[in-house]
């Protein structure tokens, strides 16, 4: 997501970008495609704004997700991870390594036909999420 698009979304929502919020947003923009937990964002944000607290991190991440600046996805036992929203497409799939925990995005989306079939049956599909679990190439070599 470009800085211009982020600014438009912030302006549209009358969201004031305080120095703490800017630090969180910078962390996310510096890590495109990465799926960061709030704790990981906190560590990185403290490098930019040392006094920032975890409550500010959580509030900022939630608000940015509500404004579609970030994607919010639950991966492991109740823990959310956040990543920068690349565009307005809703298809978002991942493969999670069961050994090292790495998360890789799956670009291919073969669920369009299923969505179409569901919509033909009267459903209004607004989003979907698919997660695969397996072993990444590095971990497979170690097995």
N, C-alpha and C. Protein backbone atom coordinates (compact mmCIF):
# COMPACT_ATOMS: atom_id res chain seq x y z
N UNK A 1 0.85 -1.17 0.00
CA UNK A 1 0.00 0.00 0.00
C UNK A 1 0.90 1.23 0.00
N UNK A 2 0.57 2.16 -0.82
CA UNK A 2 1.38 3.36 -0.94
C UNK A 2 1.09 4.32 0.23
N UNK A 3 2.05 5.18 0.50
CA UNK A 3 1.87 6.17 1.57
C UNK A 3 0.68 7.07 1.27
N UNK A 4 0.49 7.37 -0.02
CA UNK A 4 -0.62 8.23 -0.42
C UNK A 4 -1.96 7.57 -0.08
N UNK A 5 -2.09 6.29 -0.38
CA UNK A 5 -3.33 5.57 -0.09
C UNK A 5 -3.56 5.46 1.41
N UNK A 6 -2.50 5.22 2.17
CA UNK A 6 -2.62 5.17 3.63
C UNK A 6 -3.10 6.52 4.14
N UNK A 7 -2.49 7.59 3.66
CA UNK A 7 -2.89 8.94 4.10
C UNK A 7 -4.35 9.21 3.77
N UNK A 8 -4.80 8.79 2.60
CA UNK A 8 -6.21 8.98 2.22
C UNK A 8 -7.14 8.24 3.18
N UNK A 9 -6.77 7.02 3.54
CA UNK A 9 -7.61 6.24 4.46
C UNK A 9 -7.62 6.87 5.85
N UNK A 10 -6.47 7.37 6.30
CA UNK A 10 -6.40 8.03 7.61
C UNK A 10 -7.24 9.30 7.60
N UNK A 11 -7.12 10.10 6.54
CA UNK A 11 -7.88 11.34 6.42
C UNK A 11 -9.39 11.06 6.36
N UNK A 12 -9.76 10.05 5.60
CA UNK A 12 -11.17 9.69 5.46
C UNK A 12 -11.79 9.34 6.81
N UNK A 13 -10.97 8.75 7.68
CA UNK A 13 -11.45 8.34 9.00
C UNK A 13 -11.14 9.35 10.10
N UNK A 14 -10.66 10.53 9.70
CA UNK A 14 -10.29 11.58 10.66
C UNK A 14 -9.37 11.05 11.75
N UNK A 15 -8.38 10.26 11.34
CA UNK A 15 -7.46 9.62 12.28
C UNK A 15 -6.19 10.45 12.39
N UNK A 16 -5.98 11.01 13.57
CA UNK A 16 -4.80 11.83 13.81
C UNK A 16 -3.59 10.92 14.01
N UNK A 17 -2.53 11.21 13.26
CA UNK A 17 -1.33 10.38 13.33
C UNK A 17 -0.36 10.98 14.35
N UNK A 18 -0.50 10.54 15.61
CA UNK A 18 0.41 10.97 16.66
C UNK A 18 1.78 10.34 16.41
N UNK A 19 2.82 10.79 17.09
CA UNK A 19 4.15 10.17 16.91
C UNK A 19 4.15 8.67 17.22
N UNK A 20 3.40 8.26 18.24
CA UNK A 20 3.33 6.83 18.58
C UNK A 20 2.65 6.04 17.47
N UNK A 21 1.54 6.54 16.99
CA UNK A 21 0.82 5.87 15.90
C UNK A 21 1.66 5.84 14.63
N UNK A 22 2.37 6.92 14.39
CA UNK A 22 3.25 6.97 13.21
C UNK A 22 4.34 5.91 13.32
N UNK A 23 4.86 5.68 14.52
CA UNK A 23 5.89 4.65 14.72
C UNK A 23 5.33 3.27 14.37
N UNK A 24 4.10 2.99 14.81
CA UNK A 24 3.47 1.70 14.50
C UNK A 24 3.27 1.56 12.99
N UNK A 25 2.76 2.60 12.37
CA UNK A 25 2.53 2.57 10.92
C UNK A 25 3.84 2.40 10.16
N UNK A 26 4.89 3.08 10.60
CA UNK A 26 6.20 2.92 9.96
C UNK A 26 6.71 1.49 10.06
N UNK A 27 6.54 0.88 11.22
CA UNK A 27 6.95 -0.52 11.39
C UNK A 27 6.23 -1.39 10.37
N UNK A 28 4.94 -1.20 10.23
CA UNK A 28 4.17 -2.02 9.29
C UNK A 28 4.59 -1.75 7.85
N UNK A 29 4.83 -0.49 7.52
CA UNK A 29 5.23 -0.15 6.15
C UNK A 29 6.66 -0.61 5.85
N UNK A 30 7.49 -0.71 6.88
CA UNK A 30 8.85 -1.21 6.71
C UNK A 30 8.90 -2.73 6.58
N UNK A 31 7.77 -3.41 6.82
CA UNK A 31 7.72 -4.87 6.82
C UNK A 31 6.59 -5.40 5.94
N UNK A 32 6.54 -4.99 4.67
CA UNK A 32 5.45 -5.47 3.81
C UNK A 32 5.52 -6.98 3.64
N UNK A 33 4.35 -7.62 3.68
CA UNK A 33 4.30 -9.07 3.51
C UNK A 33 4.65 -9.85 4.76
N UNK A 34 5.07 -9.17 5.81
CA UNK A 34 5.37 -9.85 7.08
C UNK A 34 4.12 -9.86 7.94
N UNK A 35 3.96 -10.90 8.70
CA UNK A 35 2.79 -11.08 9.56
C UNK A 35 3.27 -10.90 11.00
N UNK A 36 3.15 -9.69 11.51
CA UNK A 36 3.73 -9.34 12.81
C UNK A 36 2.68 -9.41 13.92
N UNK A 37 3.10 -9.95 15.05
CA UNK A 37 2.25 -9.93 16.24
C UNK A 37 2.38 -8.55 16.89
N UNK A 38 1.48 -8.24 17.80
CA UNK A 38 1.56 -6.96 18.51
C UNK A 38 2.88 -6.85 19.27
N UNK A 39 3.36 -7.95 19.82
CA UNK A 39 4.61 -7.95 20.56
C UNK A 39 5.80 -7.66 19.65
N UNK A 40 5.77 -8.20 18.43
CA UNK A 40 6.84 -7.92 17.47
C UNK A 40 6.82 -6.46 17.04
N UNK A 41 5.60 -5.93 16.85
CA UNK A 41 5.46 -4.52 16.49
C UNK A 41 6.00 -3.65 17.63
N UNK A 42 5.70 -4.03 18.86
CA UNK A 42 6.18 -3.28 20.02
C UNK A 42 7.71 -3.19 20.02
N UNK A 43 8.37 -4.31 19.83
CA UNK A 43 9.84 -4.33 19.83
C UNK A 43 10.39 -3.42 18.75
N UNK A 44 9.83 -3.52 17.55
CA UNK A 44 10.31 -2.70 16.43
C UNK A 44 9.96 -1.23 16.63
N UNK A 45 8.77 -0.95 17.16
CA UNK A 45 8.33 0.44 17.35
C UNK A 45 9.15 1.13 18.43
N UNK A 46 9.61 0.38 19.41
CA UNK A 46 10.43 0.99 20.46
C UNK A 46 11.77 1.48 19.92
N UNK A 47 12.18 0.95 18.79
CA UNK A 47 13.38 1.46 18.14
C UNK A 47 13.16 2.84 17.55
N UNK A 48 11.89 3.16 17.28
CA UNK A 48 11.54 4.45 16.69
C UNK A 48 11.00 5.41 17.76
N UNK A 49 10.31 4.85 18.74
CA UNK A 49 9.68 5.64 19.80
C UNK A 49 9.81 4.85 21.10
N UNK A 50 10.93 5.02 21.82
CA UNK A 50 11.25 4.16 22.98
C UNK A 50 10.18 4.06 24.07
N UNK A 51 9.39 5.09 24.29
CA UNK A 51 8.42 5.06 25.38
C UNK A 51 7.08 4.46 25.03
N UNK A 52 6.91 3.94 23.84
CA UNK A 52 5.60 3.43 23.41
C UNK A 52 5.24 2.18 24.22
N UNK A 53 3.96 2.07 24.57
CA UNK A 53 3.48 0.94 25.37
C UNK A 53 2.65 -0.03 24.55
N UNK A 54 2.46 -1.22 25.11
CA UNK A 54 1.74 -2.28 24.41
C UNK A 54 0.27 -1.91 24.19
N UNK A 55 -0.34 -1.17 25.11
CA UNK A 55 -1.75 -0.77 24.92
C UNK A 55 -1.90 0.12 23.69
N UNK A 56 -0.96 1.02 23.50
CA UNK A 56 -0.98 1.90 22.32
C UNK A 56 -0.81 1.06 21.05
N UNK A 57 0.06 0.06 21.11
CA UNK A 57 0.27 -0.83 19.96
C UNK A 57 -1.04 -1.53 19.61
N UNK A 58 -1.67 -2.15 20.60
CA UNK A 58 -2.92 -2.86 20.34
C UNK A 58 -4.00 -1.93 19.79
N UNK A 59 -4.19 -0.77 20.40
CA UNK A 59 -5.22 0.16 19.92
C UNK A 59 -4.94 0.61 18.50
N UNK A 60 -3.68 0.92 18.22
CA UNK A 60 -3.33 1.41 16.88
C UNK A 60 -3.50 0.31 15.84
N UNK A 61 -3.05 -0.89 16.13
CA UNK A 61 -3.20 -2.00 15.19
C UNK A 61 -4.68 -2.27 14.90
N UNK A 62 -5.50 -2.26 15.93
CA UNK A 62 -6.94 -2.51 15.75
C UNK A 62 -7.57 -1.42 14.89
N UNK A 63 -7.23 -0.17 15.17
CA UNK A 63 -7.82 0.94 14.40
C UNK A 63 -7.37 0.89 12.94
N UNK A 64 -6.09 0.61 12.72
CA UNK A 64 -5.58 0.51 11.34
C UNK A 64 -6.23 -0.66 10.60
N UNK A 65 -6.50 -1.75 11.31
CA UNK A 65 -7.20 -2.88 10.69
C UNK A 65 -8.64 -2.50 10.37
N UNK A 66 -9.29 -1.78 11.27
CA UNK A 66 -10.67 -1.33 11.03
C UNK A 66 -10.76 -0.43 9.80
N UNK A 67 -9.69 0.31 9.52
CA UNK A 67 -9.67 1.23 8.37
C UNK A 67 -9.14 0.54 7.11
N UNK A 68 -8.89 -0.76 7.17
CA UNK A 68 -8.37 -1.55 6.04
C UNK A 68 -6.98 -1.11 5.61
N UNK A 69 -6.21 -0.54 6.53
CA UNK A 69 -4.81 -0.25 6.26
C UNK A 69 -4.00 -1.52 6.52
N UNK A 70 -4.47 -2.33 7.47
CA UNK A 70 -3.83 -3.60 7.82
C UNK A 70 -4.82 -4.74 7.67
N UNK A 71 -4.28 -5.94 7.40
CA UNK A 71 -5.05 -7.18 7.51
C UNK A 71 -4.79 -7.72 8.90
N UNK A 72 -5.83 -8.25 9.52
CA UNK A 72 -5.72 -8.88 10.83
C UNK A 72 -6.13 -10.33 10.67
N UNK A 73 -5.24 -11.24 11.03
CA UNK A 73 -5.51 -12.67 10.86
C UNK A 73 -5.08 -13.43 12.10
N UNK A 74 -5.90 -14.38 12.53
CA UNK A 74 -5.52 -15.22 13.66
C UNK A 74 -4.80 -16.45 13.13
N UNK A 75 -3.61 -16.69 13.62
CA UNK A 75 -2.85 -17.84 13.18
C UNK A 75 -2.74 -18.91 14.25
N UNK A 76 -2.15 -18.63 15.38
CA UNK A 76 -1.99 -19.64 16.41
C UNK A 76 -2.82 -19.28 17.63
N UNK A 77 -3.28 -20.27 18.31
CA UNK A 77 -4.11 -20.19 19.52
C UNK A 77 -4.47 -18.79 20.01
N UNK A 78 -5.35 -18.15 19.28
CA UNK A 78 -5.90 -16.88 19.73
C UNK A 78 -5.01 -15.66 19.53
N UNK A 79 -3.88 -15.80 18.87
CA UNK A 79 -2.98 -14.67 18.68
C UNK A 79 -3.16 -14.11 17.27
N UNK A 80 -3.43 -12.80 17.21
CA UNK A 80 -3.58 -12.15 15.93
C UNK A 80 -2.23 -11.69 15.40
N UNK A 81 -2.14 -11.67 14.09
CA UNK A 81 -0.98 -11.10 13.41
C UNK A 81 -1.50 -10.09 12.41
N UNK A 82 -0.69 -9.10 12.15
CA UNK A 82 -1.09 -7.99 11.29
C UNK A 82 -0.10 -7.84 10.15
N UNK A 83 -0.61 -7.45 9.01
CA UNK A 83 0.25 -7.15 7.87
C UNK A 83 -0.36 -6.00 7.09
N UNK A 84 0.50 -5.32 6.39
CA UNK A 84 0.06 -4.18 5.59
C UNK A 84 -0.87 -4.67 4.49
N UNK A 85 -1.98 -3.98 4.33
CA UNK A 85 -2.93 -4.31 3.27
C UNK A 85 -2.33 -3.85 1.94
N UNK A 86 -2.20 -4.78 1.02
CA UNK A 86 -1.58 -4.46 -0.26
C UNK A 86 -2.57 -3.80 -1.19
N UNK A 87 -3.78 -4.27 -1.19
CA UNK A 87 -4.81 -3.72 -2.06
C UNK A 87 -6.16 -4.05 -1.45
N UNK A 88 -7.21 -3.81 -2.20
CA UNK A 88 -8.55 -4.04 -1.66
C UNK A 88 -9.10 -5.42 -1.99
N UNK A 89 -8.28 -6.30 -2.56
CA UNK A 89 -8.76 -7.66 -2.82
C UNK A 89 -8.88 -8.40 -1.49
N UNK A 90 -9.90 -9.22 -1.35
CA UNK A 90 -10.12 -9.90 -0.09
C UNK A 90 -9.46 -11.27 -0.03
N UNK A 91 -9.14 -11.87 -1.15
CA UNK A 91 -8.56 -13.20 -1.13
C UNK A 91 -7.18 -13.14 -0.48
N UNK A 92 -7.02 -13.96 0.54
CA UNK A 92 -5.78 -13.90 1.27
C UNK A 92 -5.52 -15.28 1.87
N UNK A 93 -4.51 -15.96 1.37
CA UNK A 93 -4.24 -17.32 1.79
C UNK A 93 -2.80 -17.46 2.28
N UNK A 94 -2.59 -18.42 3.16
CA UNK A 94 -1.27 -18.61 3.76
C UNK A 94 -0.96 -20.08 3.91
N UNK A 95 0.34 -20.38 3.96
CA UNK A 95 0.79 -21.70 4.37
C UNK A 95 1.72 -21.47 5.56
N UNK A 96 1.44 -22.20 6.63
CA UNK A 96 2.15 -22.04 7.89
C UNK A 96 2.99 -23.29 8.13
N UNK A 97 4.29 -23.08 8.38
CA UNK A 97 5.18 -24.20 8.64
C UNK A 97 4.94 -24.70 10.07
N UNK A 98 4.71 -25.98 10.21
CA UNK A 98 4.44 -26.58 11.51
C UNK A 98 5.69 -26.69 12.38
N UNK A 99 6.86 -26.56 11.78
CA UNK A 99 8.10 -26.68 12.56
C UNK A 99 8.64 -25.32 12.98
N UNK A 100 8.87 -24.41 12.04
CA UNK A 100 9.49 -23.13 12.37
C UNK A 100 8.48 -22.00 12.54
N UNK A 101 7.23 -22.23 12.13
CA UNK A 101 6.20 -21.21 12.28
C UNK A 101 6.19 -20.14 11.20
N UNK A 102 7.04 -20.29 10.18
CA UNK A 102 7.05 -19.27 9.13
C UNK A 102 5.69 -19.24 8.42
N UNK A 103 5.33 -18.05 7.97
CA UNK A 103 4.05 -17.84 7.29
C UNK A 103 4.37 -17.31 5.89
N UNK A 104 3.89 -18.03 4.88
CA UNK A 104 4.12 -17.64 3.50
C UNK A 104 2.77 -17.40 2.83
N UNK A 105 2.69 -16.32 2.09
CA UNK A 105 1.45 -16.03 1.38
C UNK A 105 1.33 -16.91 0.15
N UNK A 106 0.11 -17.33 -0.13
CA UNK A 106 -0.21 -18.11 -1.33
C UNK A 106 -0.92 -17.15 -2.27
N UNK A 107 -0.29 -16.86 -3.39
CA UNK A 107 -0.83 -15.87 -4.33
C UNK A 107 -2.01 -16.43 -5.13
N UNK A 108 -1.96 -17.71 -5.45
CA UNK A 108 -3.01 -18.30 -6.28
C UNK A 108 -4.33 -18.34 -5.50
N UNK A 109 -5.41 -18.04 -6.20
CA UNK A 109 -6.73 -18.10 -5.58
C UNK A 109 -7.64 -18.88 -6.52
N UNK A 110 -7.92 -20.09 -6.12
CA UNK A 110 -8.75 -20.96 -6.94
C UNK A 110 -10.18 -21.06 -6.41
N UNK A 111 -10.54 -20.18 -5.50
CA UNK A 111 -11.86 -20.25 -4.89
C UNK A 111 -12.91 -19.36 -5.56
N UNK A 112 -12.54 -18.70 -6.65
CA UNK A 112 -13.49 -17.83 -7.35
C UNK A 112 -14.73 -18.60 -7.80
N UNK A 113 -14.52 -19.82 -8.31
CA UNK A 113 -15.66 -20.61 -8.77
C UNK A 113 -16.59 -20.96 -7.62
N UNK A 114 -16.02 -21.33 -6.48
CA UNK A 114 -16.84 -21.66 -5.31
C UNK A 114 -17.61 -20.42 -4.84
N UNK A 115 -16.95 -19.27 -4.80
CA UNK A 115 -17.65 -18.04 -4.42
C UNK A 115 -18.81 -17.77 -5.36
N UNK A 116 -18.56 -17.93 -6.67
CA UNK A 116 -19.62 -17.71 -7.66
C UNK A 116 -20.79 -18.65 -7.44
N UNK A 117 -20.49 -19.92 -7.16
CA UNK A 117 -21.55 -20.90 -6.92
C UNK A 117 -22.36 -20.54 -5.68
N UNK A 118 -21.68 -20.08 -4.63
CA UNK A 118 -22.39 -19.68 -3.42
C UNK A 118 -23.26 -18.45 -3.66
N UNK A 119 -22.74 -17.51 -4.44
CA UNK A 119 -23.53 -16.32 -4.75
C UNK A 119 -24.73 -16.67 -5.63
N UNK A 120 -24.56 -17.66 -6.52
CA UNK A 120 -25.68 -18.13 -7.34
C UNK A 120 -26.79 -18.72 -6.47
N UNK A 121 -26.41 -19.23 -5.27
CA UNK A 121 -27.38 -19.81 -4.35
C UNK A 121 -27.95 -18.77 -3.39
N UNK A 122 -27.61 -17.48 -3.63
CA UNK A 122 -28.21 -16.42 -2.83
C UNK A 122 -27.33 -15.85 -1.73
N UNK A 123 -26.13 -16.38 -1.55
CA UNK A 123 -25.24 -15.87 -0.52
C UNK A 123 -24.52 -14.62 -1.02
N UNK A 124 -24.15 -13.76 -0.08
CA UNK A 124 -23.36 -12.58 -0.39
C UNK A 124 -21.99 -12.79 0.25
N UNK A 125 -21.05 -13.31 -0.53
CA UNK A 125 -19.71 -13.60 -0.02
C UNK A 125 -18.92 -12.30 0.03
N UNK A 126 -18.45 -11.93 1.22
CA UNK A 126 -17.70 -10.68 1.36
C UNK A 126 -16.22 -10.93 1.60
N UNK A 127 -15.86 -12.12 2.01
CA UNK A 127 -14.45 -12.41 2.27
C UNK A 127 -14.27 -13.91 2.46
N UNK A 128 -13.04 -14.35 2.33
CA UNK A 128 -12.70 -15.72 2.70
C UNK A 128 -11.24 -15.76 3.08
N UNK A 129 -10.90 -16.80 3.81
CA UNK A 129 -9.53 -16.97 4.26
C UNK A 129 -9.21 -18.46 4.24
N UNK A 130 -8.04 -18.79 3.77
CA UNK A 130 -7.65 -20.18 3.67
C UNK A 130 -6.25 -20.33 4.24
N UNK A 131 -6.07 -21.34 5.10
CA UNK A 131 -4.76 -21.60 5.69
C UNK A 131 -4.38 -23.04 5.41
N UNK A 132 -3.16 -23.21 4.95
CA UNK A 132 -2.59 -24.53 4.78
C UNK A 132 -1.54 -24.72 5.86
N UNK A 133 -1.35 -25.95 6.30
CA UNK A 133 -0.32 -26.25 7.28
C UNK A 133 0.57 -27.33 6.70
N UNK A 134 1.86 -27.17 6.86
CA UNK A 134 2.82 -28.14 6.34
C UNK A 134 4.21 -27.78 6.80
N UNK A 135 5.20 -28.16 6.00
CA UNK A 135 6.60 -27.89 6.34
C UNK A 135 7.24 -27.10 5.21
N UNK A 136 7.93 -26.03 5.57
CA UNK A 136 8.58 -25.18 4.57
C UNK A 136 9.76 -25.94 3.98
N UNK A 137 10.29 -25.49 2.84
CA UNK A 137 11.43 -26.19 2.20
C UNK A 137 12.63 -26.35 3.13
N UNK A 138 12.94 -25.34 3.93
CA UNK A 138 14.08 -25.42 4.83
C UNK A 138 13.89 -26.50 5.87
N UNK A 139 12.71 -26.54 6.48
CA UNK A 139 12.43 -27.55 7.50
C UNK A 139 12.33 -28.95 6.91
N UNK A 140 11.85 -29.07 5.69
CA UNK A 140 11.78 -30.38 5.03
C UNK A 140 13.16 -30.95 4.83
N UNK A 141 14.13 -30.09 4.50
CA UNK A 141 15.51 -30.56 4.30
C UNK A 141 16.12 -31.06 5.59
N UNK A 142 15.69 -30.51 6.72
CA UNK A 142 16.22 -30.89 8.04
C UNK A 142 15.62 -32.19 8.54
N UNK A 143 14.48 -32.61 7.98
CA UNK A 143 13.79 -33.84 8.44
C UNK A 143 14.56 -35.08 8.10
